[in-house]
Amino acid sequence: MRLKLIVALVSEHKTDIVVRAARDAGATGATIVTGARGEGLTPGRTFLGLELESIRDIVLFLVVEPRAREILERIRDAANFDSEGGSGIAFQIDVEDAVGMVTQLPAIYEDLITEI
């Protein structure tokens, strides 16, 4: 089975929106790493030496390849990545191998079979 890792870097207030959109598109789970900081095209603003940037979350989805593009697009649309500057970014990476997905395989297979 070919897998993709989708990585979404989002403002913390959009994390639940992104996870819900990915699940609706076929993702069977997510890992959320909280408290990340990042900087986009322009450096963040400060006030008296305190950063005013919002905290970001890193949301990881390990998904089957046939679902990856749809999930990526749903994340983009739900979080307004293309219309709202600084709202986040998402990308996918090929995964060579993975273990520990035994409990998710029945749901993945059922989803793929009903699509065919």
PDB file of N, CA and C in Angstrom:
ATOM      1  N   MET A   1       0.851  -1.171   0.000  1.00  0.00           N
ATOM      2  CA  MET A   1       0.000   0.000   0.000  1.00  0.00           C
ATOM      3  C   MET A   1       0.896   1.234   0.000  1.00  0.00           C
ATOM      4  N   ARG A   2       0.622   2.151  -0.900  1.00  0.00           N
ATOM      5  CA  ARG A   2       1.401   3.379  -0.992  1.00  0.00           C
ATOM      6  C   ARG A   2       0.796   4.430  -0.070  1.00  0.00           C
ATOM      7  N   LEU A   3       1.669   5.075   0.699  1.00  0.00           N
ATOM      8  CA  LEU A   3       1.224   6.047   1.695  1.00  0.00           C
ATOM      9  C   LEU A   3       1.840   7.413   1.450  1.00  0.00           C
ATOM     10  N   LYS A   4       1.169   8.423   1.937  1.00  0.00           N
ATOM     11  CA  LYS A   4       1.659   9.806   1.923  1.00  0.00           C
ATOM     12  C   LYS A   4       1.545  10.357   3.339  1.00  0.00           C
ATOM     13  N   LEU A   5       2.483  11.207   3.686  1.00  0.00           N
ATOM     14  CA  LEU A   5       2.398  11.955   4.933  1.00  0.00           C
ATOM     15  C   LEU A   5       2.000  13.373   4.564  1.00  0.00           C
ATOM     16  N   ILE A   6       0.851  13.790   5.050  1.00  0.00           N
ATOM     17  CA  ILE A   6       0.424  15.174   4.848  1.00  0.00           C
ATOM     18  C   ILE A   6       0.784  15.941   6.107  1.00  0.00           C
ATOM     19  N   VAL A   7       1.505  17.027   5.923  1.00  0.00           N
ATOM     20  CA  VAL A   7       1.919  17.890   7.025  1.00  0.00           C
ATOM     21  C   VAL A   7       1.201  19.224   6.847  1.00  0.00           C
ATOM     22  N   ALA A   8       0.441  19.617   7.845  1.00  0.00           N
ATOM     23  CA  ALA A   8      -0.259  20.906   7.811  1.00  0.00           C
ATOM     24  C   ALA A   8       0.271  21.763   8.962  1.00  0.00           C
ATOM     25  N   LEU A   9       0.712  22.954   8.648  1.00  0.00           N
ATOM     26  CA  LEU A   9       1.179  23.923   9.638  1.00  0.00           C
ATOM     27  C   LEU A   9       0.105  25.001   9.707  1.00  0.00           C
ATOM     28  N   VAL A  10      -0.620  25.033  10.814  1.00  0.00           N
ATOM     29  CA  VAL A  10      -1.801  25.887  10.892  1.00  0.00           C
ATOM     30  C   VAL A  10      -1.837  26.681  12.185  1.00  0.00           C
ATOM     31  N   SER A  11      -2.538  27.804  12.144  1.00  0.00           N
ATOM     32  CA  SER A  11      -2.802  28.567  13.362  1.00  0.00           C
ATOM     33  C   SER A  11      -3.601  27.683  14.306  1.00  0.00           C
ATOM     34  N   GLU A  12      -3.303  27.784  15.594  1.00  0.00           N
ATOM     35  CA  GLU A  12      -3.932  26.874  16.554  1.00  0.00           C
ATOM     36  C   GLU A  12      -5.454  26.932  16.539  1.00  0.00           C
ATOM     37  N   HIS A  13      -6.030  28.055  16.178  1.00  0.00           N
ATOM     38  CA  HIS A  13      -7.489  28.146  16.143  1.00  0.00           C
ATOM     39  C   HIS A  13      -8.095  27.444  14.925  1.00  0.00           C
ATOM     40  N   LYS A  14      -7.247  26.999  13.985  1.00  0.00           N
ATOM     41  CA  LYS A  14      -7.752  26.284  12.807  1.00  0.00           C
ATOM     42  C   LYS A  14      -7.474  24.785  12.854  1.00  0.00           C
ATOM     43  N   THR A  15      -6.823  24.319  13.893  1.00  0.00           N
ATOM     44  CA  THR A  15      -6.441  22.909  13.964  1.00  0.00           C
ATOM     45  C   THR A  15      -7.647  21.986  13.872  1.00  0.00           C
ATOM     46  N   ASP A  16      -8.670  22.227  14.670  1.00  0.00           N
ATOM     47  CA  ASP A  16      -9.852  21.362  14.657  1.00  0.00           C
ATOM     48  C   ASP A  16     -10.553  21.391  13.299  1.00  0.00           C
ATOM     49  N   ILE A  17     -10.568  22.532  12.662  1.00  0.00           N
ATOM     50  CA  ILE A  17     -11.177  22.669  11.333  1.00  0.00           C
ATOM     51  C   ILE A  17     -10.428  21.806  10.324  1.00  0.00           C
ATOM     52  N   VAL A  18      -9.102  21.846  10.389  1.00  0.00           N
ATOM     53  CA  VAL A  18      -8.265  21.079   9.472  1.00  0.00           C
ATOM     54  C   VAL A  18      -8.435  19.576   9.708  1.00  0.00           C
ATOM     55  N   VAL A  19      -8.434  19.159  10.955  1.00  0.00           N
ATOM     56  CA  VAL A  19      -8.601  17.732  11.274  1.00  0.00           C
ATOM     57  C   VAL A  19      -9.965  17.241  10.792  1.00  0.00           C
ATOM     58  N   ARG A  20     -11.003  18.011  11.024  1.00  0.00           N
ATOM     59  CA  ARG A  20     -12.347  17.623  10.595  1.00  0.00           C
ATOM     60  C   ARG A  20     -12.419  17.510   9.067  1.00  0.00           C
ATOM     61  N   ALA A  21     -11.834  18.470   8.360  1.00  0.00           N
ATOM     62  CA  ALA A  21     -11.848  18.438   6.893  1.00  0.00           C
ATOM     63  C   ALA A  21     -11.094  17.225   6.364  1.00  0.00           C
ATOM     64  N   ALA A  22      -9.955  16.904   6.968  1.00  0.00           N
ATOM     65  CA  ALA A  22      -9.171  15.750   6.541  1.00  0.00           C
ATOM     66  C   ALA A  22      -9.928  14.452   6.800  1.00  0.00           C
ATOM     67  N   ARG A  23     -10.566  14.361   7.949  1.00  0.00           N
ATOM     68  CA  ARG A  23     -11.348  13.147   8.266  1.00  0.00           C
ATOM     69  C   ARG A  23     -12.516  12.991   7.289  1.00  0.00           C
ATOM     70  N   ASP A  24     -13.188  14.085   6.971  1.00  0.00           N
ATOM     71  CA  ASP A  24     -14.295  14.039   6.013  1.00  0.00           C
ATOM     72  C   ASP A  24     -13.832  13.579   4.633  1.00  0.00           C
ATOM     73  N   ALA A  25     -12.563  13.824   4.316  1.00  0.00           N
ATOM     74  CA  ALA A  25     -12.017  13.440   3.010  1.00  0.00           C
ATOM     75  C   ALA A  25     -11.368  12.060   3.027  1.00  0.00           C
ATOM     76  N   GLY A  26     -11.352  11.395   4.189  1.00  0.00           N
ATOM     77  CA  GLY A  26     -10.833  10.031   4.222  1.00  0.00           C
ATOM     78  C   GLY A  26      -9.656   9.765   5.126  1.00  0.00           C
ATOM     79  N   ALA A  27      -9.136  10.758   5.812  1.00  0.00           N
ATOM     80  CA  ALA A  27      -8.042  10.513   6.761  1.00  0.00           C
ATOM     81  C   ALA A  27      -8.588   9.714   7.935  1.00  0.00           C
ATOM     82  N   THR A  28      -7.810   8.741   8.406  1.00  0.00           N
ATOM     83  CA  THR A  28      -8.288   7.882   9.491  1.00  0.00           C
ATOM     84  C   THR A  28      -7.720   8.271  10.846  1.00  0.00           C
ATOM     85  N   GLY A  29      -6.914   9.311  10.897  1.00  0.00           N
ATOM     86  CA  GLY A  29      -6.360   9.761  12.162  1.00  0.00           C
ATOM     87  C   GLY A  29      -5.457  10.956  11.951  1.00  0.00           C
ATOM     88  N   ALA A  30      -4.978  11.522  13.040  1.00  0.00           N
ATOM     89  CA  ALA A  30      -4.097  12.691  12.974  1.00  0.00           C
ATOM     90  C   ALA A  30      -3.214  12.722  14.208  1.00  0.00           C
ATOM     91  N   THR A  31      -2.044  13.287  14.043  1.00  0.00           N
ATOM     92  CA  THR A  31      -1.155  13.569  15.168  1.00  0.00           C
ATOM     93  C   THR A  31      -0.950  15.074  15.191  1.00  0.00           C
ATOM     94  N   ILE A  32      -1.136  15.673  16.359  1.00  0.00           N
ATOM     95  CA  ILE A  32      -1.043  17.127  16.478  1.00  0.00           C
ATOM     96  C   ILE A  32       0.107  17.471  17.415  1.00  0.00           C
ATOM     97  N   VAL A  33       1.022  18.282  16.903  1.00  0.00           N
ATOM     98  CA  VAL A  33       2.138  18.786  17.694  1.00  0.00           C
ATOM     99  C   VAL A  33       1.840  20.261  17.945  1.00  0.00           C
ATOM    100  N   THR A  34       1.685  20.630  19.200  1.00  0.00           N
ATOM    101  CA  THR A  34       1.271  21.995  19.523  1.00  0.00           C
ATOM    102  C   THR A  34       2.473  22.885  19.859  1.00  0.00           C
ATOM    103  N   GLY A  35       2.227  24.167  19.758  1.00  0.00           N
ATOM    104  CA  GLY A  35       3.200  25.140  20.221  1.00  0.00           C
ATOM    105  C   GLY A  35       4.358  25.427  19.286  1.00  0.00           C
ATOM    106  N   ALA A  36       4.193  25.201  17.996  1.00  0.00           N
ATOM    107  CA  ALA A  36       5.263  25.500  17.045  1.00  0.00           C
ATOM    108  C   ALA A  36       5.234  26.986  16.691  1.00  0.00           C
ATOM    109  N   ARG A  37       6.387  27.513  16.347  1.00  0.00           N
ATOM    110  CA  ARG A  37       6.465  28.897  15.890  1.00  0.00           C
ATOM    111  C   ARG A  37       7.008  28.903  14.485  1.00  0.00           C
ATOM    112  N   GLY A  38       6.584  29.858  13.699  1.00  0.00           N
ATOM    113  CA  GLY A  38       7.062  29.962  12.332  1.00  0.00           C
ATOM    114  C   GLY A  38       7.014  31.392  11.853  1.00  0.00           C
ATOM    115  N   GLU A  39       7.597  31.594  10.709  1.00  0.00           N
ATOM    116  CA  GLU A  39       7.628  32.933  10.132  1.00  0.00           C
ATOM    117  C   GLU A  39       7.438  32.816   8.634  1.00  0.00           C
ATOM    118  N   GLY A  40       6.557  33.608   8.079  1.00  0.00           N
ATOM    119  CA  GLY A  40       6.277  33.583   6.652  1.00  0.00           C
ATOM    120  C   GLY A  40       7.137  34.561   5.876  1.00  0.00           C
ATOM    121  N   LEU A  41       6.575  35.091   4.827  1.00  0.00           N
ATOM    122  CA  LEU A  41       7.277  35.997   3.927  1.00  0.00           C
ATOM    123  C   LEU A  41       7.805  37.243   4.637  1.00  0.00           C
ATOM    124  N   THR A  42       7.001  37.770   5.539  1.00  0.00           N
ATOM    125  CA  THR A  42       7.443  38.942   6.289  1.00  0.00           C
ATOM    126  C   THR A  42       7.637  38.556   7.755  1.00  0.00           C
ATOM    127  N   PRO A  43       8.660  39.080   8.400  1.00  0.00           N
ATOM    128  CA  PRO A  43       8.899  38.745   9.809  1.00  0.00           C
ATOM    129  C   PRO A  43       7.716  39.151  10.689  1.00  0.00           C
ATOM    130  N   GLY A  44       7.564  38.434  11.787  1.00  0.00           N
ATOM    131  CA  GLY A  44       6.472  38.715  12.719  1.00  0.00           C
ATOM    132  C   GLY A  44       6.623  40.070  13.391  1.00  0.00           C
ATOM    133  N   ARG A  45       5.511  40.566  13.879  1.00  0.00           N
ATOM    134  CA  ARG A  45       5.509  41.853  14.562  1.00  0.00           C
ATOM    135  C   ARG A  45       5.858  41.672  16.028  1.00  0.00           C
ATOM    136  N   THR A  46       6.423  42.715  16.592  1.00  0.00           N
ATOM    137  CA  THR A  46       6.710  42.697  18.025  1.00  0.00           C
ATOM    138  C   THR A  46       6.167  43.971  18.656  1.00  0.00           C
ATOM    139  N   PHE A  47       5.947  43.896  19.949  1.00  0.00           N
ATOM    140  CA  PHE A  47       5.520  45.057  20.713  1.00  0.00           C
ATOM    141  C   PHE A  47       6.318  45.039  22.004  1.00  0.00           C
ATOM    142  N   LEU A  48       7.191  46.019  22.159  1.00  0.00           N
ATOM    143  CA  LEU A  48       8.065  46.096  23.328  1.00  0.00           C
ATOM    144  C   LEU A  48       8.852  44.794  23.544  1.00  0.00           C
ATOM    145  N   GLY A  49       9.290  44.222  22.418  1.00  0.00           N
ATOM    146  CA  GLY A  49      10.100  43.004  22.490  1.00  0.00           C
ATOM    147  C   GLY A  49       9.320  41.714  22.593  1.00  0.00           C
ATOM    148  N   LEU A  50       8.008  41.791  22.713  1.00  0.00           N
ATOM    149  CA  LEU A  50       7.170  40.588  22.774  1.00  0.00           C
ATOM    150  C   LEU A  50       6.634  40.276  21.392  1.00  0.00           C
ATOM    151  N   GLU A  51       6.725  39.019  20.997  1.00  0.00           N
ATOM    152  CA  GLU A  51       6.218  38.628  19.690  1.00  0.00           C
ATOM    153  C   GLU A  51       4.699  38.563  19.706  1.00  0.00           C
ATOM    154  N   LEU A  52       4.099  39.033  18.627  1.00  0.00           N
ATOM    155  CA  LEU A  52       2.650  39.040  18.510  1.00  0.00           C
ATOM    156  C   LEU A  52       2.147  37.928  17.598  1.00  0.00           C
ATOM    157  N   GLU A  53       3.034  37.070  17.139  1.00  0.00           N
ATOM    158  CA  GLU A  53       2.646  35.978  16.258  1.00  0.00           C
ATOM    159  C   GLU A  53       1.831  34.953  17.026  1.00  0.00           C
ATOM    160  N   SER A  54       0.877  34.350  16.354  1.00  0.00           N
ATOM    161  CA  SER A  54       0.085  33.308  17.003  1.00  0.00           C
ATOM    162  C   SER A  54       0.853  31.992  16.995  1.00  0.00           C
ATOM    163  N   ILE A  55       0.516  31.158  17.919  1.00  0.00           N
ATOM    164  CA  ILE A  55       1.120  29.839  18.001  1.00  0.00           C
ATOM    165  C   ILE A  55       0.545  28.972  16.887  1.00  0.00           C
ATOM    166  N   ARG A  56       1.377  28.140  16.334  1.00  0.00           N
ATOM    167  CA  ARG A  56       0.956  27.236  15.267  1.00  0.00           C
ATOM    168  C   ARG A  56       0.979  25.801  15.766  1.00  0.00           C
ATOM    169  N   ASP A  57       0.199  24.985  15.106  1.00  0.00           N
ATOM    170  CA  ASP A  57       0.216  23.554  15.355  1.00  0.00           C
ATOM    171  C   ASP A  57       0.728  22.849  14.103  1.00  0.00           C
ATOM    172  N   ILE A  58       1.386  21.740  14.305  1.00  0.00           N
ATOM    173  CA  ILE A  58       1.787  20.872  13.206  1.00  0.00           C
ATOM    174  C   ILE A  58       0.841  19.679  13.257  1.00  0.00           C
ATOM    175  N   VAL A  59       0.110  19.467  12.185  1.00  0.00           N
ATOM    176  CA  VAL A  59      -0.851  18.370  12.129  1.00  0.00           C
ATOM    177  C   VAL A  59      -0.366  17.376  11.079  1.00  0.00           C
ATOM    178  N   LEU A  60      -0.182  16.122  11.494  1.00  0.00           N
ATOM    179  CA  LEU A  60       0.339  15.073  10.624  1.00  0.00           C
ATOM    180  C   LEU A  60      -0.757  14.061  10.320  1.00  0.00           C
ATOM    181  N   PHE A  61      -0.874  13.715   9.052  1.00  0.00           N
ATOM    182  CA  PHE A  61      -1.840  12.707   8.613  1.00  0.00           C
ATOM    183  C   PHE A  61      -1.093  11.679   7.760  1.00  0.00           C
ATOM    184  N   LEU A  62      -1.156  10.414   8.126  1.00  0.00           N
ATOM    185  CA  LEU A  62      -0.612   9.347   7.309  1.00  0.00           C
ATOM    186  C   LEU A  62      -1.787   8.753   6.548  1.00  0.00           C
ATOM    187  N   VAL A  63      -1.796   8.915   5.221  1.00  0.00           N
ATOM    188  CA  VAL A  63      -2.966   8.557   4.418  1.00  0.00           C
ATOM    189  C   VAL A  63      -2.559   7.703   3.227  1.00  0.00           C
ATOM    190  N   VAL A  64      -3.528   6.988   2.682  1.00  0.00           N
ATOM    191  CA  VAL A  64      -3.262   6.214   1.472  1.00  0.00           C
ATOM    192  C   VAL A  64      -3.159   7.164   0.286  1.00  0.00           C
ATOM    193  N   GLU A  65      -2.290   6.817  -0.638  1.00  0.00           N
ATOM    194  CA  GLU A  65      -2.003   7.694  -1.770  1.00  0.00           C
ATOM    195  C   GLU A  65      -3.235   8.116  -2.581  1.00  0.00           C
ATOM    196  N   PRO A  66      -4.187   7.216  -2.859  1.00  0.00           N
ATOM    197  CA  PRO A  66      -5.339   7.654  -3.659  1.00  0.00           C
ATOM    198  C   PRO A  66      -6.175   8.753  -2.997  1.00  0.00           C
ATOM    199  N   ARG A  67      -6.096   8.900  -1.697  1.00  0.00           N
ATOM    200  CA  ARG A  67      -6.867   9.914  -0.975  1.00  0.00           C
ATOM    201  C   ARG A  67      -6.076  11.201  -0.715  1.00  0.00           C
ATOM    202  N   ALA A  68      -4.779  11.164  -0.896  1.00  0.00           N
ATOM    203  CA  ALA A  68      -3.903  12.256  -0.456  1.00  0.00           C
ATOM    204  C   ALA A  68      -4.253  13.608  -1.077  1.00  0.00           C
ATOM    205  N   ARG A  69      -4.406  13.676  -2.368  1.00  0.00           N
ATOM    206  CA  ARG A  69      -4.656  14.972  -3.015  1.00  0.00           C
ATOM    207  C   ARG A  69      -5.988  15.575  -2.563  1.00  0.00           C
ATOM    208  N   GLU A  70      -7.018  14.734  -2.468  1.00  0.00           N
ATOM    209  CA  GLU A  70      -8.331  15.216  -2.012  1.00  0.00           C
ATOM    210  C   GLU A  70      -8.240  15.752  -0.583  1.00  0.00           C
ATOM    211  N   ILE A  71      -7.540  15.041   0.276  1.00  0.00           N
ATOM    212  CA  ILE A  71      -7.384  15.486   1.665  1.00  0.00           C
ATOM    213  C   ILE A  71      -6.635  16.811   1.709  1.00  0.00           C
ATOM    214  N   LEU A  72      -5.570  16.917   0.933  1.00  0.00           N
ATOM    215  CA  LEU A  72      -4.780  18.147   0.878  1.00  0.00           C
ATOM    216  C   LEU A  72      -5.636  19.334   0.426  1.00  0.00           C
ATOM    217  N   GLU A  73      -6.447  19.118  -0.592  1.00  0.00           N
ATOM    218  CA  GLU A  73      -7.306  20.196  -1.094  1.00  0.00           C
ATOM    219  C   GLU A  73      -8.386  20.576  -0.081  1.00  0.00           C
ATOM    220  N   ARG A  74      -8.933  19.597   0.609  1.00  0.00           N
ATOM    221  CA  ARG A  74      -9.948  19.888   1.627  1.00  0.00           C
ATOM    222  C   ARG A  74      -9.357  20.692   2.781  1.00  0.00           C
ATOM    223  N   ILE A  75      -8.125  20.348   3.163  1.00  0.00           N
ATOM    224  CA  ILE A  75      -7.436  21.111   4.214  1.00  0.00           C
ATOM    225  C   ILE A  75      -7.245  22.551   3.759  1.00  0.00           C
ATOM    226  N   ARG A  76      -6.771  22.710   2.535  1.00  0.00           N
ATOM    227  CA  ARG A  76      -6.564  24.057   1.982  1.00  0.00           C
ATOM    228  C   ARG A  76      -7.838  24.877   2.019  1.00  0.00           C
ATOM    229  N   ASP A  77      -8.927  24.292   1.550  1.00  0.00           N
ATOM    230  CA  ASP A  77     -10.195  25.026   1.483  1.00  0.00           C
ATOM    231  C   ASP A  77     -10.749  25.339   2.872  1.00  0.00           C
ATOM    232  N   ALA A  78     -10.690  24.364   3.780  1.00  0.00           N
ATOM    233  CA  ALA A  78     -11.252  24.561   5.120  1.00  0.00           C
ATOM    234  C   ALA A  78     -10.509  25.631   5.903  1.00  0.00           C
ATOM    235  N   ALA A  79      -9.191  25.706   5.711  1.00  0.00           N
ATOM    236  CA  ALA A  79      -8.390  26.668   6.477  1.00  0.00           C
ATOM    237  C   ALA A  79      -8.118  27.959   5.710  1.00  0.00           C
ATOM    238  N   ASN A  80      -8.666  28.074   4.515  1.00  0.00           N
ATOM    239  CA  ASN A  80      -8.502  29.289   3.692  1.00  0.00           C
ATOM    240  C   ASN A  80      -7.036  29.609   3.391  1.00  0.00           C
ATOM    241  N   PHE A  81      -6.240  28.595   3.107  1.00  0.00           N
ATOM    242  CA  PHE A  81      -4.816  28.819   2.846  1.00  0.00           C
ATOM    243  C   PHE A  81      -4.575  29.751   1.669  1.00  0.00           C
ATOM    244  N   ASP A  82      -5.391  29.647   0.618  1.00  0.00           N
ATOM    245  CA  ASP A  82      -5.148  30.446  -0.584  1.00  0.00           C
ATOM    246  C   ASP A  82      -5.762  31.839  -0.535  1.00  0.00           C
ATOM    247  N   SER A  83      -6.638  32.084   0.419  1.00  0.00           N
ATOM    248  CA  SER A  83      -7.302  33.387   0.443  1.00  0.00           C
ATOM    249  C   SER A  83      -6.991  34.222   1.680  1.00  0.00           C
ATOM    250  N   GLU A  84      -6.370  33.630   2.668  1.00  0.00           N
ATOM    251  CA  GLU A  84      -6.112  34.320   3.930  1.00  0.00           C
ATOM    252  C   GLU A  84      -4.619  34.224   4.256  1.00  0.00           C
ATOM    253  N   GLY A  85      -3.896  35.299   4.054  1.00  0.00           N
ATOM    254  CA  GLY A  85      -2.466  35.302   4.319  1.00  0.00           C
ATOM    255  C   GLY A  85      -2.126  34.885   5.735  1.00  0.00           C
ATOM    256  N   GLY A  86      -1.106  34.045   5.877  1.00  0.00           N
ATOM    257  CA  GLY A  86      -0.653  33.625   7.186  1.00  0.00           C
ATOM    258  C   GLY A  86      -1.503  32.556   7.849  1.00  0.00           C
ATOM    259  N   SER A  87      -2.473  31.994   7.113  1.00  0.00           N
ATOM    260  CA  SER A  87      -3.358  30.997   7.726  1.00  0.00           C
ATOM    261  C   SER A  87      -2.722  29.617   7.798  1.00  0.00           C
ATOM    262  N   GLY A  88      -1.700  29.376   7.016  1.00  0.00           N
ATOM    263  CA  GLY A  88      -1.013  28.094   7.098  1.00  0.00           C
ATOM    264  C   GLY A  88      -0.558  27.569   5.759  1.00  0.00           C
ATOM    265  N   ILE A  89      -0.015  26.377   5.815  1.00  0.00           N
ATOM    266  CA  ILE A  89       0.480  25.698   4.622  1.00  0.00           C
ATOM    267  C   ILE A  89       0.363  24.201   4.863  1.00  0.00           C
ATOM    268  N   ALA A  90       0.198  23.447   3.793  1.00  0.00           N
ATOM    269  CA  ALA A  90       0.154  21.989   3.902  1.00  0.00           C
ATOM    270  C   ALA A  90       0.886  21.400   2.701  1.00  0.00           C
ATOM    271  N   PHE A  91       1.524  20.262   2.922  1.00  0.00           N
ATOM    272  CA  PHE A  91       2.231  19.576   1.834  1.00  0.00           C
ATOM    273  C   PHE A  91       2.234  18.090   2.111  1.00  0.00           C
ATOM    274  N   GLN A  92       2.565  17.319   1.078  1.00  0.00           N
ATOM    275  CA  GLN A  92       2.601  15.871   1.235  1.00  0.00           C
ATOM    276  C   GLN A  92       3.973  15.329   0.868  1.00  0.00           C
ATOM    277  N   ILE A  93       4.334  14.228   1.532  1.00  0.00           N
ATOM    278  CA  ILE A  93       5.629  13.585   1.353  1.00  0.00           C
ATOM    279  C   ILE A  93       5.385  12.096   1.139  1.00  0.00           C
ATOM    280  N   ASP A  94       6.113  11.491   0.214  1.00  0.00           N
ATOM    281  CA  ASP A  94       6.024  10.042   0.029  1.00  0.00           C
ATOM    282  C   ASP A  94       6.551   9.328   1.264  1.00  0.00           C
ATOM    283  N   VAL A  95       5.882   8.253   1.643  1.00  0.00           N
ATOM    284  CA  VAL A  95       6.295   7.434   2.783  1.00  0.00           C
ATOM    285  C   VAL A  95       6.724   6.080   2.230  1.00  0.00           C
ATOM    286  N   GLU A  96       7.933   5.699   2.534  1.00  0.00           N
ATOM    287  CA  GLU A  96       8.457   4.435   2.024  1.00  0.00           C
ATOM    288  C   GLU A  96       7.836   3.234   2.723  1.00  0.00           C
ATOM    289  N   ASP A  97       7.644   3.325   4.031  1.00  0.00           N
ATOM    290  CA  ASP A  97       7.115   2.212   4.786  1.00  0.00           C
ATOM    291  C   ASP A  97       6.549   2.730   6.103  1.00  0.00           C
ATOM    292  N   ALA A  98       5.653   1.972   6.702  1.00  0.00           N
ATOM    293  CA  ALA A  98       5.076   2.355   7.991  1.00  0.00           C
ATOM    294  C   ALA A  98       4.610   1.100   8.725  1.00  0.00           C
ATOM    295  N   VAL A  99       4.623   1.170  10.038  1.00  0.00           N
ATOM    296  CA  VAL A  99       4.093   0.095  10.880  1.00  0.00           C
ATOM    297  C   VAL A  99       3.134   0.721  11.884  1.00  0.00           C
ATOM    298  N   GLY A 100       2.320  -0.119  12.507  1.00  0.00           N
ATOM    299  CA  GLY A 100       1.417   0.375  13.542  1.00  0.00           C
ATOM    300  C   GLY A 100       0.071   0.842  13.040  1.00  0.00           C
ATOM    301  N   MET A 101      -0.276   0.479  11.816  1.00  0.00           N
ATOM    302  CA  MET A 101      -1.558   0.925  11.257  1.00  0.00           C
ATOM    303  C   MET A 101      -2.585  -0.196  11.188  1.00  0.00           C
ATOM    304  N   VAL A 102      -2.327  -1.297  11.846  1.00  0.00           N
ATOM    305  CA  VAL A 102      -3.188  -2.475  11.748  1.00  0.00           C
ATOM    306  C   VAL A 102      -4.640  -2.151  12.097  1.00  0.00           C
ATOM    307  N   THR A 103      -4.864  -1.357  13.109  1.00  0.00           N
ATOM    308  CA  THR A 103      -6.239  -1.062  13.519  1.00  0.00           C
ATOM    309  C   THR A 103      -6.961  -0.169  12.507  1.00  0.00           C
ATOM    310  N   GLN A 104      -6.220   0.561  11.683  1.00  0.00           N
ATOM    311  CA  GLN A 104      -6.840   1.450  10.706  1.00  0.00           C
ATOM    312  C   GLN A 104      -7.070   0.788   9.355  1.00  0.00           C
ATOM    313  N   LEU A 105      -6.388  -0.317   9.091  1.00  0.00           N
ATOM    314  CA  LEU A 105      -6.473  -0.949   7.775  1.00  0.00           C
ATOM    315  C   LEU A 105      -7.891  -1.336   7.352  1.00  0.00           C
ATOM    316  N   PRO A 106      -8.723  -1.930   8.231  1.00  0.00           N
ATOM    317  CA  PRO A 106     -10.082  -2.253   7.781  1.00  0.00           C
ATOM    318  C   PRO A 106     -10.852  -1.030   7.275  1.00  0.00           C
ATOM    319  N   ALA A 107     -10.743   0.080   7.953  1.00  0.00           N
ATOM    320  CA  ALA A 107     -11.443   1.297   7.519  1.00  0.00           C
ATOM    321  C   ALA A 107     -10.876   1.811   6.199  1.00  0.00           C
ATOM    322  N   ILE A 108      -9.566   1.739   6.047  1.00  0.00           N
ATOM    323  CA  ILE A 108      -8.928   2.194   4.808  1.00  0.00           C
ATOM    324  C   ILE A 108      -9.378   1.316   3.643  1.00  0.00           C
ATOM    325  N   TYR A 109      -9.317   0.007   3.820  1.00  0.00           N
ATOM    326  CA  TYR A 109      -9.719  -0.913   2.736  1.00  0.00           C
ATOM    327  C   TYR A 109     -11.181  -0.736   2.376  1.00  0.00           C
ATOM    328  N   GLU A 110     -12.038  -0.633   3.370  1.00  0.00           N
ATOM    329  CA  GLU A 110     -13.477  -0.463   3.105  1.00  0.00           C
ATOM    330  C   GLU A 110     -13.738   0.813   2.322  1.00  0.00           C
ATOM    331  N   ASP A 111     -13.071   1.884   2.702  1.00  0.00           N
ATOM    332  CA  ASP A 111     -13.229   3.164   2.021  1.00  0.00           C
ATOM    333  C   ASP A 111     -12.774   3.067   0.568  1.00  0.00           C
ATOM    334  N   LEU A 112     -11.638   2.438   0.341  1.00  0.00           N
ATOM    335  CA  LEU A 112     -11.120   2.321  -1.027  1.00  0.00           C
ATOM    336  C   LEU A 112     -11.969   1.402  -1.885  1.00  0.00           C
ATOM    337  N   ILE A 113     -12.479   0.325  -1.298  1.00  0.00           N
ATOM    338  CA  ILE A 113     -13.306  -0.619  -2.067  1.00  0.00           C
ATOM    339  C   ILE A 113     -14.630   0.037  -2.476  1.00  0.00           C
ATOM    340  N   THR A 114     -15.247   0.790  -1.580  1.00  0.00           N
ATOM    341  CA  THR A 114     -16.526   1.422  -1.926  1.00  0.00           C
ATOM    342  C   THR A 114     -16.335   2.476  -3.012  1.00  0.00           C
ATOM    343  N   GLU A 115     -15.144   3.031  -3.104  1.00  0.00           N
ATOM    344  CA  GLU A 115     -14.889   4.025  -4.161  1.00  0.00           C
ATOM    345  C   GLU A 115     -14.761   3.368  -5.524  1.00  0.00           C
ATOM    346  N   ILE A 116     -14.225   2.164  -5.546  1.00  0.00           N
ATOM    347  CA  ILE A 116     -14.020   1.445  -6.822  1.00  0.00           C
ATOM    348  C   ILE A 116     -15.323   0.925  -7.288  1.00  0.00           C
TER     349      ILE A 116
END
